Amino acid sequence: MPLEEKLLVSRKVAAEMLAISIRKVDYMIADGRLLTRRIDSRVLIPIDEIRKLARSDQPRRMAG
């Protein structure tokens, strides 16, 4: 199935779509910045959540 037709994707696919690591996806899930759906033992991320995150500006951390 083409990616455009999927409603939910794995953490790995989400990381690839956002050009970040799977670990960073996990941190974003833990922080509540990326919502998930659980189906059995699988953690899946709605495509709409990925698109919403990609459109939003992320605050930069200040060193210090």
N, C-alpha and C. Protein backbone atom coordinates (compact mmCIF):
# COMPACT_ATOMS: atom_id res chain seq x y z
N MET A 1 0.84 -1.17 0.00
CA MET A 1 0.00 0.00 0.00
C MET A 1 0.90 1.24 0.00
N PRO A 2 0.61 2.19 -0.87
CA PRO A 2 1.41 3.43 -0.89
C PRO A 2 1.28 4.20 0.41
N LEU A 3 2.33 4.87 0.79
CA LEU A 3 2.37 5.63 2.04
C LEU A 3 1.24 6.64 2.12
N GLU A 4 0.88 7.25 1.01
CA GLU A 4 -0.18 8.27 1.01
C GLU A 4 -1.53 7.72 1.44
N GLU A 5 -1.73 6.41 1.29
CA GLU A 5 -3.01 5.79 1.63
C GLU A 5 -3.05 5.23 3.06
N LYS A 6 -1.92 5.18 3.72
CA LYS A 6 -1.88 4.62 5.07
C LYS A 6 -2.41 5.63 6.08
N LEU A 7 -3.06 5.12 7.11
CA LEU A 7 -3.56 5.97 8.19
C LEU A 7 -2.61 5.97 9.38
N LEU A 8 -1.93 4.85 9.61
CA LEU A 8 -1.00 4.68 10.72
C LEU A 8 0.31 4.12 10.20
N VAL A 9 1.41 4.55 10.82
CA VAL A 9 2.73 4.03 10.44
C VAL A 9 3.52 3.69 11.69
N SER A 10 4.54 2.89 11.52
CA SER A 10 5.42 2.50 12.62
C SER A 10 6.31 3.67 13.04
N ARG A 11 6.97 3.51 14.18
CA ARG A 11 7.92 4.53 14.64
C ARG A 11 9.05 4.69 13.64
N LYS A 12 9.49 3.59 13.04
CA LYS A 12 10.58 3.65 12.06
C LYS A 12 10.18 4.47 10.84
N VAL A 13 8.99 4.21 10.31
CA VAL A 13 8.52 4.96 9.14
C VAL A 13 8.33 6.44 9.50
N ALA A 14 7.79 6.70 10.68
CA ALA A 14 7.62 8.09 11.12
C ALA A 14 8.96 8.80 11.19
N ALA A 15 9.97 8.12 11.72
CA ALA A 15 11.31 8.70 11.80
C ALA A 15 11.85 9.01 10.41
N GLU A 16 11.65 8.09 9.48
CA GLU A 16 12.11 8.31 8.10
C GLU A 16 11.37 9.49 7.47
N MET A 17 10.07 9.58 7.70
CA MET A 17 9.29 10.69 7.13
C MET A 17 9.75 12.03 7.67
N LEU A 18 10.12 12.07 8.95
CA LEU A 18 10.53 13.33 9.58
C LEU A 18 12.03 13.58 9.50
N ALA A 19 12.77 12.62 8.93
CA ALA A 19 14.23 12.71 8.80
C ALA A 19 14.89 12.87 10.17
N ILE A 20 14.41 12.08 11.14
CA ILE A 20 15.00 12.07 12.48
C ILE A 20 15.20 10.62 12.90
N SER A 21 15.84 10.42 14.04
CA SER A 21 16.09 9.06 14.51
C SER A 21 14.84 8.49 15.20
N ILE A 22 14.81 7.16 15.31
CA ILE A 22 13.72 6.50 16.02
C ILE A 22 13.75 6.93 17.49
N ARG A 23 14.92 7.09 18.03
CA ARG A 23 15.04 7.54 19.42
C ARG A 23 14.39 8.91 19.61
N LYS A 24 14.59 9.83 18.66
CA LYS A 24 13.97 11.15 18.75
C LYS A 24 12.45 11.02 18.67
N VAL A 25 11.96 10.11 17.84
CA VAL A 25 10.51 9.86 17.78
C VAL A 25 10.03 9.38 19.14
N ASP A 26 10.77 8.48 19.76
CA ASP A 26 10.40 7.99 21.09
C ASP A 26 10.36 9.12 22.12
N TYR A 27 11.33 10.04 22.07
CA TYR A 27 11.33 11.18 22.98
C TYR A 27 10.11 12.07 22.74
N MET A 28 9.75 12.27 21.48
CA MET A 28 8.60 13.11 21.15
C MET A 28 7.29 12.45 21.60
N ILE A 29 7.24 11.13 21.53
CA ILE A 29 6.07 10.41 22.04
C ILE A 29 5.99 10.57 23.55
N ALA A 30 7.11 10.38 24.24
CA ALA A 30 7.15 10.50 25.69
C ALA A 30 6.78 11.90 26.16
N ASP A 31 7.20 12.93 25.40
CA ASP A 31 6.90 14.33 25.73
C ASP A 31 5.46 14.72 25.39
N GLY A 32 4.76 13.87 24.67
CA GLY A 32 3.39 14.18 24.27
C GLY A 32 3.31 15.03 23.02
N ARG A 33 4.43 15.23 22.35
CA ARG A 33 4.42 16.04 21.12
C ARG A 33 3.98 15.22 19.91
N LEU A 34 3.95 13.91 20.05
CA LEU A 34 3.55 13.03 18.96
C LEU A 34 2.61 11.98 19.55
N LEU A 35 1.36 12.01 19.13
CA LEU A 35 0.36 11.08 19.66
C LEU A 35 0.46 9.75 18.95
N THR A 36 0.10 8.69 19.66
CA THR A 36 0.19 7.34 19.10
C THR A 36 -1.12 6.60 19.29
N ARG A 37 -1.22 5.49 18.60
CA ARG A 37 -2.30 4.52 18.79
C ARG A 37 -1.64 3.19 19.06
N ARG A 38 -2.17 2.44 19.99
CA ARG A 38 -1.63 1.11 20.29
C ARG A 38 -2.59 0.06 19.75
N ILE A 39 -2.06 -0.85 19.00
CA ILE A 39 -2.81 -2.00 18.52
C ILE A 39 -2.01 -3.22 18.94
N ASP A 40 -2.57 -3.94 19.90
CA ASP A 40 -1.86 -5.04 20.56
C ASP A 40 -0.56 -4.48 21.14
N SER A 41 0.57 -5.03 20.73
CA SER A 41 1.84 -4.55 21.27
C SER A 41 2.51 -3.51 20.37
N ARG A 42 1.87 -3.19 19.26
CA ARG A 42 2.47 -2.24 18.31
C ARG A 42 2.12 -0.80 18.66
N VAL A 43 3.11 0.06 18.54
CA VAL A 43 2.91 1.50 18.71
C VAL A 43 2.88 2.09 17.31
N LEU A 44 1.75 2.68 16.94
CA LEU A 44 1.58 3.24 15.60
C LEU A 44 1.26 4.72 15.71
N ILE A 45 1.69 5.45 14.70
CA ILE A 45 1.54 6.91 14.71
C ILE A 45 0.66 7.31 13.53
N PRO A 46 -0.41 8.07 13.80
CA PRO A 46 -1.27 8.53 12.72
C PRO A 46 -0.51 9.48 11.78
N ILE A 47 -0.70 9.27 10.50
CA ILE A 47 -0.07 10.12 9.48
C ILE A 47 -0.40 11.60 9.73
N ASP A 48 -1.64 11.87 10.13
CA ASP A 48 -2.04 13.26 10.40
C ASP A 48 -1.19 13.89 11.50
N GLU A 49 -0.82 13.12 12.52
CA GLU A 49 0.04 13.63 13.59
C GLU A 49 1.43 13.98 13.06
N ILE A 50 1.94 13.16 12.17
CA ILE A 50 3.26 13.41 11.57
C ILE A 50 3.22 14.68 10.74
N ARG A 51 2.18 14.83 9.94
CA ARG A 51 2.04 16.03 9.11
C ARG A 51 1.88 17.28 9.97
N LYS A 52 1.09 17.17 11.04
CA LYS A 52 0.89 18.32 11.94
C LYS A 52 2.22 18.72 12.57
N LEU A 53 2.98 17.75 13.02
CA LEU A 53 4.28 18.03 13.63
C LEU A 53 5.23 18.67 12.61
N ALA A 54 5.21 18.17 11.39
CA ALA A 54 6.10 18.69 10.35
C ALA A 54 5.76 20.15 10.00
N ARG A 55 4.50 20.51 10.12
CA ARG A 55 4.08 21.89 9.81
C ARG A 55 4.36 22.87 10.92
N SER A 56 4.51 22.37 12.15
CA SER A 56 4.68 23.28 13.29
C SER A 56 6.14 23.64 13.48
N ASP A 57 6.35 24.82 14.03
CA ASP A 57 7.70 25.24 14.39
C ASP A 57 8.02 24.66 15.75
N GLN A 58 9.22 24.15 15.89
CA GLN A 58 9.66 23.58 17.16
C GLN A 58 10.55 24.59 17.86
N PRO A 59 10.28 24.85 19.14
CA PRO A 59 11.16 25.80 19.86
C PRO A 59 12.57 25.25 19.98
N ARG A 60 13.52 26.13 19.87
CA ARG A 60 14.93 25.73 20.01
C ARG A 60 15.32 25.76 21.47
N ARG A 61 16.16 24.82 21.84
CA ARG A 61 16.68 24.81 23.21
C ARG A 61 17.81 25.80 23.32
N MET A 62 17.83 26.51 24.43
CA MET A 62 18.90 27.45 24.70
C MET A 62 20.00 26.73 25.46
N ALA A 63 21.23 26.94 25.05
CA ALA A 63 22.36 26.33 25.76
C ALA A 63 22.52 27.02 27.11
N GLY A 64 22.92 26.22 28.10
CA GLY A 64 23.15 26.89 29.35
C GLY A 64 22.88 26.11 30.51
